[in-house]
């Protein structure tokens, strides 16, 4: 189970065809990441104040179904740590009827802002600022 936030679709987020602009899907995933990390006890601002910051290294999106004005969607944030300097924060955007609209895979690192290098253990860096992965389940 992943952490989730509900987002209403606004008319100004639509493209010329009347569906959600492709860039907005990425914005929705970013909202889920930022809010999800806060729900897990870790705020972006505290990381930055400590001289570190999450950095998005890669984002891939698979579009499944269009989203239109007036709809609301649920956007998940599922964080997956492994070995190394990066981790994944994946999102699924789902219509309220259960239809999956998009799946977004993100590779993220935590950058040491003074050295401009990724920290060796992003999970430890996040946990040092209150991140509790269990709160996202």
C-alpha atoms as a PDB file:
ATOM      1  CA  UNK A   1       0.000   0.000   0.000  1.00  0.00           C
ATOM      2  CA  UNK A   2       1.312   3.448  -0.884  1.00  0.00           C
ATOM      3  CA  UNK A   3       0.613   6.873   0.588  1.00  0.00           C
ATOM      4  CA  UNK A   4      -1.994   8.834  -1.417  1.00  0.00           C
ATOM      5  CA  UNK A   5      -3.348  12.341  -1.900  1.00  0.00           C
ATOM      6  CA  UNK A   6      -6.477  13.438  -3.770  1.00  0.00           C
ATOM      7  CA  UNK A   7      -6.036  16.254  -6.291  1.00  0.00           C
ATOM      8  CA  UNK A   8      -8.859  18.030  -8.174  1.00  0.00           C
ATOM      9  CA  UNK A   9      -8.217  18.719 -11.851  1.00  0.00           C
ATOM     10  CA  UNK A  10      -8.458  22.411 -12.688  1.00  0.00           C
ATOM     11  CA  UNK A  11      -9.426  23.793 -16.083  1.00  0.00           C
ATOM     12  CA  UNK A  12      -6.171  25.727 -16.530  1.00  0.00           C
ATOM     13  CA  UNK A  13      -4.250  22.424 -16.329  1.00  0.00           C
ATOM     14  CA  UNK A  14      -5.764  21.169 -19.593  1.00  0.00           C
ATOM     15  CA  UNK A  15      -4.187  21.087 -23.022  1.00  0.00           C
ATOM     16  CA  UNK A  16      -5.753  22.127 -26.329  1.00  0.00           C
ATOM     17  CA  UNK A  17      -7.541  18.751 -26.579  1.00  0.00           C
ATOM     18  CA  UNK A  18      -9.271  19.218 -23.232  1.00  0.00           C
ATOM     19  CA  UNK A  19      -7.303  16.690 -21.227  1.00  0.00           C
ATOM     20  CA  UNK A  20      -4.703  17.076 -18.542  1.00  0.00           C
ATOM     21  CA  UNK A  21      -1.497  18.531 -19.954  1.00  0.00           C
ATOM     22  CA  UNK A  22       1.367  16.033 -19.936  1.00  0.00           C
ATOM     23  CA  UNK A  23       3.554  18.247 -17.713  1.00  0.00           C
ATOM     24  CA  UNK A  24       0.834  18.388 -15.061  1.00  0.00           C
ATOM     25  CA  UNK A  25       1.038  14.619 -14.535  1.00  0.00           C
ATOM     26  CA  UNK A  26       4.620  15.208 -13.371  1.00  0.00           C
ATOM     27  CA  UNK A  27       3.474  18.083 -11.152  1.00  0.00           C
ATOM     28  CA  UNK A  28       0.878  15.848  -9.523  1.00  0.00           C
ATOM     29  CA  UNK A  29       3.568  13.244  -8.816  1.00  0.00           C
ATOM     30  CA  UNK A  30       5.738  15.988  -7.302  1.00  0.00           C
ATOM     31  CA  UNK A  31       2.864  17.068  -5.053  1.00  0.00           C
ATOM     32  CA  UNK A  32       2.499  13.455  -3.884  1.00  0.00           C
ATOM     33  CA  UNK A  33       6.256  13.176  -3.202  1.00  0.00           C
ATOM     34  CA  UNK A  34       6.534  16.438  -1.263  1.00  0.00           C
ATOM     35  CA  UNK A  35       3.344  15.855   0.729  1.00  0.00           C
ATOM     36  CA  UNK A  36       4.172  12.177   1.212  1.00  0.00           C
ATOM     37  CA  UNK A  37       7.610  12.970   2.593  1.00  0.00           C
ATOM     38  CA  UNK A  38       6.009  15.512   4.959  1.00  0.00           C
ATOM     39  CA  UNK A  39       3.502  12.853   6.071  1.00  0.00           C
ATOM     40  CA  UNK A  40       6.486  10.568   6.729  1.00  0.00           C
ATOM     41  CA  UNK A  41       7.983  13.251   8.993  1.00  0.00           C
ATOM     42  CA  UNK A  42      10.520  14.743   6.604  1.00  0.00           C
ATOM     43  CA  UNK A  43      10.071  18.197   5.125  1.00  0.00           C
ATOM     44  CA  UNK A  44      12.049  19.386   2.088  1.00  0.00           C
ATOM     45  CA  UNK A  45      12.832  22.664   3.906  1.00  0.00           C
ATOM     46  CA  UNK A  46      14.576  20.898   6.809  1.00  0.00           C
ATOM     47  CA  UNK A  47      16.739  18.961   4.374  1.00  0.00           C
ATOM     48  CA  UNK A  48      17.730  22.112   2.516  1.00  0.00           C
ATOM     49  CA  UNK A  49      18.491  23.948   5.758  1.00  0.00           C
ATOM     50  CA  UNK A  50      20.852  21.070   6.637  1.00  0.00           C
ATOM     51  CA  UNK A  51      22.681  21.444   3.322  1.00  0.00           C
ATOM     52  CA  UNK A  52      21.067  18.553   1.494  1.00  0.00           C
ATOM     53  CA  UNK A  53      18.257  18.316  -1.013  1.00  0.00           C
ATOM     54  CA  UNK A  54      16.351  15.611  -2.859  1.00  0.00           C
ATOM     55  CA  UNK A  55      17.121  15.757  -6.569  1.00  0.00           C
ATOM     56  CA  UNK A  56      15.099  14.158  -9.331  1.00  0.00           C
ATOM     57  CA  UNK A  57      17.461  12.244 -11.610  1.00  0.00           C
ATOM     58  CA  UNK A  58      14.990  10.493 -13.889  1.00  0.00           C
ATOM     59  CA  UNK A  59      11.248  10.417 -14.449  1.00  0.00           C
ATOM     60  CA  UNK A  60       9.380   8.060 -16.747  1.00  0.00           C
ATOM     61  CA  UNK A  61       5.654   8.198 -17.306  1.00  0.00           C
ATOM     62  CA  UNK A  62       3.308   5.692 -18.896  1.00  0.00           C
ATOM     63  CA  UNK A  63      -0.020   7.272 -19.835  1.00  0.00           C
ATOM     64  CA  UNK A  64      -3.010   4.914 -19.590  1.00  0.00           C
ATOM     65  CA  UNK A  65      -6.240   6.966 -19.720  1.00  0.00           C
ATOM     66  CA  UNK A  66      -7.005  10.630 -20.227  1.00  0.00           C
ATOM     67  CA  UNK A  67      -8.000  12.913 -17.379  1.00  0.00           C
ATOM     68  CA  UNK A  68     -10.454  15.744 -17.968  1.00  0.00           C
ATOM     69  CA  UNK A  69     -11.630  18.914 -16.203  1.00  0.00           C
ATOM     70  CA  UNK A  70     -13.858  18.426 -13.203  1.00  0.00           C
ATOM     71  CA  UNK A  71     -12.400  15.060 -12.287  1.00  0.00           C
ATOM     72  CA  UNK A  72     -10.376  14.370  -9.172  1.00  0.00           C
ATOM     73  CA  UNK A  73      -7.567  11.844  -9.018  1.00  0.00           C
ATOM     74  CA  UNK A  74      -5.723   9.973  -6.310  1.00  0.00           C
ATOM     75  CA  UNK A  75      -1.938  10.156  -6.618  1.00  0.00           C
ATOM     76  CA  UNK A  76       0.234   7.718  -4.710  1.00  0.00           C
ATOM     77  CA  UNK A  77       3.792   7.974  -3.482  1.00  0.00           C
ATOM     78  CA  UNK A  78       5.634   4.703  -2.956  1.00  0.00           C
ATOM     79  CA  UNK A  79       9.271   4.988  -1.876  1.00  0.00           C
ATOM     80  CA  UNK A  80      11.614   2.058  -2.535  1.00  0.00           C
ATOM     81  CA  UNK A  81      15.155   2.022  -1.199  1.00  0.00           C
ATOM     82  CA  UNK A  82      17.881  -0.285  -2.391  1.00  0.00           C
ATOM     83  CA  UNK A  83      21.654  -0.186  -2.279  1.00  0.00           C
ATOM     84  CA  UNK A  84      23.497   2.812  -3.644  1.00  0.00           C
ATOM     85  CA  UNK A  85      23.077   6.539  -3.925  1.00  0.00           C
ATOM     86  CA  UNK A  86      19.585   6.570  -5.420  1.00  0.00           C
ATOM     87  CA  UNK A  87      16.106   5.397  -4.559  1.00  0.00           C
ATOM     88  CA  UNK A  88      12.743   5.270  -6.313  1.00  0.00           C
ATOM     89  CA  UNK A  89       9.625   7.252  -5.592  1.00  0.00           C
ATOM     90  CA  UNK A  90       6.889   5.890  -7.813  1.00  0.00           C
ATOM     91  CA  UNK A  91       3.411   7.297  -8.316  1.00  0.00           C
ATOM     92  CA  UNK A  92       0.193   5.990  -9.773  1.00  0.00           C
ATOM     93  CA  UNK A  93      -2.500   8.460 -10.811  1.00  0.00           C
ATOM     94  CA  UNK A  94      -5.926   6.867 -10.496  1.00  0.00           C
ATOM     95  CA  UNK A  95      -9.381   8.201 -11.304  1.00  0.00           C
ATOM     96  CA  UNK A  96     -11.992   7.915  -8.582  1.00  0.00           C
ATOM     97  CA  UNK A  97     -13.646   5.028 -10.450  1.00  0.00           C
ATOM     98  CA  UNK A  98     -10.410   3.030 -10.077  1.00  0.00           C
ATOM     99  CA  UNK A  99      -9.113   3.553 -13.628  1.00  0.00           C
ATOM    100  CA  UNK A 100      -5.334   3.988 -13.711  1.00  0.00           C
ATOM    101  CA  UNK A 101      -4.523   7.108 -15.722  1.00  0.00           C
ATOM    102  CA  UNK A 102      -0.728   7.116 -15.441  1.00  0.00           C
ATOM    103  CA  UNK A 103       2.209   5.384 -13.806  1.00  0.00           C
ATOM    104  CA  UNK A 104       5.288   7.456 -13.016  1.00  0.00           C
ATOM    105  CA  UNK A 105       8.669   6.050 -12.022  1.00  0.00           C
ATOM    106  CA  UNK A 106      11.191   8.451 -10.506  1.00  0.00           C
ATOM    107  CA  UNK A 107      14.823   7.944  -9.556  1.00  0.00           C
ATOM    108  CA  UNK A 108      15.899  10.334  -6.818  1.00  0.00           C
ATOM    109  CA  UNK A 109      19.093  11.046  -4.920  1.00  0.00           C
ATOM    110  CA  UNK A 110      19.918  13.260  -1.971  1.00  0.00           C
ATOM    111  CA  UNK A 111      22.514  15.873  -2.878  1.00  0.00           C
ATOM    112  CA  UNK A 112      25.093  17.380  -0.527  1.00  0.00           C
ATOM    113  CA  UNK A 113      24.619  20.996  -1.596  1.00  0.00           C
ATOM    114  CA  UNK A 114      28.129  22.119  -0.606  1.00  0.00           C
ATOM    115  CA  UNK A 115      29.897  19.300  -2.452  1.00  0.00           C
ATOM    116  CA  UNK A 116      27.320  19.081  -5.289  1.00  0.00           C
ATOM    117  CA  UNK A 117      27.483  15.287  -5.014  1.00  0.00           C
ATOM    118  CA  UNK A 118      24.955  12.660  -4.064  1.00  0.00           C
ATOM    119  CA  UNK A 119      25.212  11.358  -0.512  1.00  0.00           C
ATOM    120  CA  UNK A 120      26.237   7.724  -0.202  1.00  0.00           C
ATOM    121  CA  UNK A 121      23.183   6.634   1.816  1.00  0.00           C
ATOM    122  CA  UNK A 122      20.030   8.593   0.918  1.00  0.00           C
ATOM    123  CA  UNK A 123      17.845   6.597   3.294  1.00  0.00           C
ATOM    124  CA  UNK A 124      20.059   7.459   6.278  1.00  0.00           C
ATOM    125  CA  UNK A 125      20.134  11.127   5.209  1.00  0.00           C
ATOM    126  CA  UNK A 126      16.341  11.234   5.046  1.00  0.00           C
ATOM    127  CA  UNK A 127      15.870   9.320   8.292  1.00  0.00           C
ATOM    128  CA  UNK A 128      18.205  11.783  10.046  1.00  0.00           C
ATOM    129  CA  UNK A 129      15.567  14.411   9.225  1.00  0.00           C
ATOM    130  CA  UNK A 130      12.599  12.428  10.495  1.00  0.00           C
ATOM    131  CA  UNK A 131      11.691  10.322   7.456  1.00  0.00           C
ATOM    132  CA  UNK A 132       9.814   7.184   8.558  1.00  0.00           C
ATOM    133  CA  UNK A 133       9.052   4.884   5.618  1.00  0.00           C
ATOM    134  CA  UNK A 134       6.447   3.057   7.727  1.00  0.00           C
ATOM    135  CA  UNK A 135       4.249   6.161   7.776  1.00  0.00           C
ATOM    136  CA  UNK A 136       3.784   5.926   4.002  1.00  0.00           C
ATOM    137  CA  UNK A 137       2.111   2.511   4.201  1.00  0.00           C
END
